[in-house]
């Protein structure tokens, strides 16, 4: 049963949302403040319905903190309905925004739409359209995450961009000049070993044996490639 975290300092609203979602077959966990929400958020949470205006930590800050560890859908449910309010909420990492008062039909429709997209694109689904799998590595292009043997790999933006460039163009050999121009967006000059240094660091993080690379391979005298 999918677990949804509902956060609002108004108990009547959380109870109402709970009754709506339970009828649809969801498990609901309720929280009445930002601090409580962060404490109750877990790996079992597949969606969060979040009020914006709460005492202490507001909804936008809760969203930012959740985003540091999870890409679960976040639906704001707020009395603040201006375009500026929506932009602020979505910029903090939210996926959708509903204004109070709300209809139960629309709430359920939006929850189901968000969950459909999320469950389709989850990292543990190797056939998801946004994932590239190479050997022991899985790259989630939407979440900008890299997993190795189901453990998250921490890459710099440059390392990630190099990996994505090669992985999304399997079997194509890229010269160091092509990689530099694609990733750094600057003019390349002879003798620049920047690409080589970053690929060495990348291999340290993603290869079982960096000296015997099986993911990012050398094509001697030409450049680098990732095989399909």
Protein backbone atom coordinates (compact mmCIF):
# COMPACT_ATOMS: atom_id res chain seq x y z
CA UNK A 1 0.00 0.00 0.00
CA UNK A 2 1.47 3.38 -1.04
CA UNK A 3 2.16 5.73 1.87
CA UNK A 4 1.37 9.44 1.53
CA UNK A 5 2.58 12.02 4.04
CA UNK A 6 0.02 14.80 4.65
CA UNK A 7 1.32 17.92 6.37
CA UNK A 8 -0.88 20.79 7.59
CA UNK A 9 -1.18 22.58 10.92
CA UNK A 10 -4.97 22.44 10.53
CA UNK A 11 -6.13 19.08 11.93
CA UNK A 12 -9.50 19.28 10.18
CA UNK A 13 -7.78 19.53 6.81
CA UNK A 14 -5.41 16.63 7.46
CA UNK A 15 -8.33 14.49 8.65
CA UNK A 16 -10.32 15.41 5.53
CA UNK A 17 -7.44 14.55 3.19
CA UNK A 18 -6.85 11.31 5.07
CA UNK A 19 -10.47 10.23 4.62
CA UNK A 20 -10.32 11.03 0.89
CA UNK A 21 -7.08 9.14 0.28
CA UNK A 22 -7.89 6.14 2.47
CA UNK A 23 -11.02 5.55 0.35
CA UNK A 24 -8.68 5.41 -2.67
CA UNK A 25 -6.57 2.72 -1.04
CA UNK A 26 -3.64 4.79 0.22
CA UNK A 27 -1.96 4.64 3.58
CA UNK A 28 -1.78 8.11 5.16
CA UNK A 29 0.64 9.50 7.73
CA UNK A 30 -0.20 12.92 9.17
CA UNK A 31 2.03 15.68 10.50
CA UNK A 32 1.09 19.09 11.86
CA UNK A 33 4.36 21.02 11.54
CA UNK A 34 7.45 21.15 9.37
CA UNK A 35 9.65 19.58 12.02
CA UNK A 36 7.19 16.74 12.56
CA UNK A 37 6.93 16.21 8.79
CA UNK A 38 10.69 15.82 8.41
CA UNK A 39 10.70 13.35 11.29
CA UNK A 40 7.93 11.24 9.77
CA UNK A 41 9.21 11.31 6.19
CA UNK A 42 10.73 7.92 5.34
CA UNK A 43 11.78 5.67 2.49
CA UNK A 44 8.21 4.31 2.42
CA UNK A 45 6.80 7.75 1.57
CA UNK A 46 5.84 7.89 -2.12
CA UNK A 47 4.19 11.33 -2.11
CA UNK A 48 3.95 14.34 0.18
CA UNK A 49 1.00 16.76 0.39
CA UNK A 50 2.37 19.89 1.97
CA UNK A 51 0.86 23.09 3.34
CA UNK A 52 2.95 26.21 2.74
CA UNK A 53 2.07 28.38 5.74
CA UNK A 54 3.03 26.58 8.95
CA UNK A 55 4.61 27.75 12.20
CA UNK A 56 8.36 27.26 12.50
CA UNK A 57 9.61 25.68 9.29
CA UNK A 58 7.29 26.54 6.41
CA UNK A 59 6.33 24.21 3.58
CA UNK A 60 8.90 25.53 1.12
CA UNK A 61 11.74 24.86 3.54
CA UNK A 62 10.38 21.38 4.26
CA UNK A 63 10.34 20.77 0.51
CA UNK A 64 13.95 21.91 0.12
CA UNK A 65 15.11 19.57 2.89
CA UNK A 66 13.21 16.61 1.45
CA UNK A 67 14.74 17.29 -1.95
CA UNK A 68 18.22 16.84 -0.50
CA UNK A 69 17.46 13.15 0.04
CA UNK A 70 14.49 12.21 -2.14
CA UNK A 71 12.75 12.96 -5.44
CA UNK A 72 9.27 11.83 -4.33
CA UNK A 73 6.42 13.98 -5.72
CA UNK A 74 5.49 16.97 -3.57
CA UNK A 75 2.05 18.53 -3.94
CA UNK A 76 1.52 21.90 -2.28
CA UNK A 77 -1.93 22.58 -0.85
CA UNK A 78 -2.10 26.21 0.20
CA UNK A 79 -4.40 29.17 0.77
CA UNK A 80 -1.77 31.32 -0.97
CA UNK A 81 -2.71 31.23 -4.63
CA UNK A 82 -0.91 34.01 -6.48
CA UNK A 83 1.41 33.22 -9.37
CA UNK A 84 4.35 34.43 -7.27
CA UNK A 85 3.43 32.01 -4.47
CA UNK A 86 3.25 29.15 -6.96
CA UNK A 87 6.59 30.03 -8.54
CA UNK A 88 8.27 30.18 -5.12
CA UNK A 89 6.83 26.80 -4.13
CA UNK A 90 7.69 25.05 -7.36
CA UNK A 91 11.17 26.61 -7.41
CA UNK A 92 11.79 25.09 -3.98
CA UNK A 93 11.32 21.64 -5.53
CA UNK A 94 7.57 21.07 -5.56
CA UNK A 95 5.88 19.20 -8.41
CA UNK A 96 2.35 20.61 -8.28
CA UNK A 97 0.33 23.29 -6.52
CA UNK A 98 -3.32 23.36 -5.47
CA UNK A 99 -5.14 26.25 -3.83
CA UNK A 100 -7.52 25.88 -0.89
CA UNK A 101 -10.43 25.30 -0.85
CA UNK A 102 -10.06 22.22 -3.05
CA UNK A 103 -12.32 19.53 -4.43
CA UNK A 104 -11.75 15.90 -3.49
CA UNK A 105 -12.05 14.86 -7.14
CA UNK A 106 -9.25 17.19 -8.24
CA UNK A 107 -7.06 16.22 -5.30
CA UNK A 108 -7.33 12.52 -6.10
CA UNK A 109 -6.73 13.17 -9.81
CA UNK A 110 -3.56 15.13 -9.12
CA UNK A 111 -2.26 12.59 -6.60
CA UNK A 112 -2.77 9.74 -9.06
CA UNK A 113 -1.13 11.68 -11.91
CA UNK A 114 1.93 12.49 -9.80
CA UNK A 115 2.25 8.90 -8.61
CA UNK A 116 1.93 7.50 -12.14
CA UNK A 117 4.86 9.61 -13.30
CA UNK A 118 6.93 8.90 -10.20
CA UNK A 119 6.40 5.14 -10.11
CA UNK A 120 7.14 4.89 -13.83
CA UNK A 121 10.44 6.75 -13.49
CA UNK A 122 11.72 5.18 -10.28
CA UNK A 123 15.38 4.22 -10.34
CA UNK A 124 14.71 0.57 -9.53
CA UNK A 125 12.82 0.15 -12.81
CA UNK A 126 15.58 -0.58 -15.33
CA UNK A 127 13.29 -0.11 -18.32
CA UNK A 128 12.19 3.37 -17.30
CA UNK A 129 12.63 5.78 -20.21
CA UNK A 130 14.73 8.21 -18.17
CA UNK A 131 17.29 5.65 -16.97
CA UNK A 132 20.48 4.50 -18.66
CA UNK A 133 22.01 1.27 -17.38
CA UNK A 134 25.62 0.33 -18.10
CA UNK A 135 27.17 -2.66 -16.38
CA UNK A 136 26.64 -2.05 -12.62
CA UNK A 137 25.73 1.60 -13.15
CA UNK A 138 22.28 3.20 -13.46
CA UNK A 139 21.92 6.86 -14.43
CA UNK A 140 18.61 8.58 -13.74
CA UNK A 141 18.56 11.45 -16.20
CA UNK A 142 15.55 13.14 -14.58
CA UNK A 143 16.79 12.98 -11.00
CA UNK A 144 20.44 13.58 -12.01
CA UNK A 145 21.52 10.65 -9.86
CA UNK A 146 23.95 7.79 -10.43
CA UNK A 147 23.62 4.44 -8.67
CA UNK A 148 26.26 1.70 -8.52
CA UNK A 149 25.08 -1.65 -7.15
CA UNK A 150 22.06 0.29 -5.79
CA UNK A 151 24.36 2.66 -3.86
CA UNK A 152 24.33 6.35 -4.74
CA UNK A 153 27.54 7.68 -6.31
CA UNK A 154 28.45 11.28 -5.52
CA UNK A 155 29.68 12.99 -8.69
CA UNK A 156 30.54 16.59 -9.37
CA UNK A 157 28.49 18.35 -12.05
CA UNK A 158 31.37 18.09 -14.51
CA UNK A 159 31.90 14.38 -13.85
CA UNK A 160 28.16 13.78 -14.23
CA UNK A 161 28.00 15.77 -17.49
CA UNK A 162 30.90 13.79 -18.98
CA UNK A 163 29.29 10.49 -17.99
CA UNK A 164 25.90 11.48 -19.43
CA UNK A 165 27.47 12.69 -22.69
CA UNK A 166 29.17 9.34 -23.23
CA UNK A 167 26.38 7.14 -21.85
CA UNK A 168 23.63 8.73 -23.96
CA UNK A 169 25.74 8.27 -27.09
CA UNK A 170 26.75 4.61 -26.73
CA UNK A 171 29.52 3.25 -28.96
CA UNK A 172 30.38 6.71 -30.25
CA UNK A 173 34.00 7.70 -29.65
CA UNK A 174 34.46 11.27 -28.39
CA UNK A 175 37.83 12.98 -28.67
CA UNK A 176 39.05 14.99 -25.70
CA UNK A 177 38.37 18.12 -27.74
CA UNK A 178 34.74 17.09 -28.37
CA UNK A 179 34.19 16.27 -24.70
CA UNK A 180 35.70 19.59 -23.64
CA UNK A 181 33.55 21.62 -26.04
CA UNK A 182 30.36 19.73 -25.07
CA UNK A 183 30.87 19.90 -21.31
CA UNK A 184 32.81 23.11 -20.69
CA UNK A 185 31.30 25.04 -23.62
CA UNK A 186 34.66 26.70 -24.24
CA UNK A 187 37.29 26.70 -26.96
CA UNK A 188 39.72 23.80 -26.67
CA UNK A 189 43.47 24.29 -26.86
CA UNK A 190 46.20 21.71 -27.45
CA UNK A 191 47.88 20.30 -24.39
CA UNK A 192 44.79 20.75 -22.20
CA UNK A 193 44.65 17.71 -19.90
CA UNK A 194 41.46 18.82 -18.08
CA UNK A 195 39.32 16.10 -19.66
CA UNK A 196 41.83 13.38 -18.81
CA UNK A 197 41.98 14.48 -15.16
CA UNK A 198 38.18 14.53 -14.78
CA UNK A 199 37.76 11.15 -16.45
CA UNK A 200 40.37 9.70 -14.09
CA UNK A 201 38.39 11.03 -11.14
CA UNK A 202 35.14 9.76 -12.63
CA UNK A 203 36.60 6.29 -13.05
CA UNK A 204 37.70 6.24 -9.41
CA UNK A 205 34.04 6.58 -8.46
CA UNK A 206 32.23 4.37 -10.98
CA UNK A 207 34.64 1.61 -12.01
CA UNK A 208 35.30 -1.58 -10.07
CA UNK A 209 38.90 -1.32 -11.23
CA UNK A 210 39.81 2.15 -12.53
CA UNK A 211 42.96 0.80 -14.21
CA UNK A 212 40.87 -1.75 -16.09
CA UNK A 213 37.88 0.43 -16.94
CA UNK A 214 34.79 -1.38 -18.22
CA UNK A 215 32.41 1.58 -18.37
CA UNK A 216 34.33 4.59 -19.69
CA UNK A 217 36.78 3.02 -22.11
CA UNK A 218 39.84 4.43 -23.86
CA UNK A 219 40.09 4.20 -27.62
CA UNK A 220 43.81 4.78 -27.94
CA UNK A 221 44.78 7.70 -30.10
CA UNK A 222 41.13 8.74 -30.56
CA UNK A 223 39.29 9.37 -27.28
CA UNK A 224 36.73 7.78 -24.98
CA UNK A 225 33.48 5.86 -25.30
CA UNK A 226 30.82 3.96 -23.39
CA UNK A 227 29.73 0.74 -25.07
CA UNK A 228 26.05 -0.14 -25.35
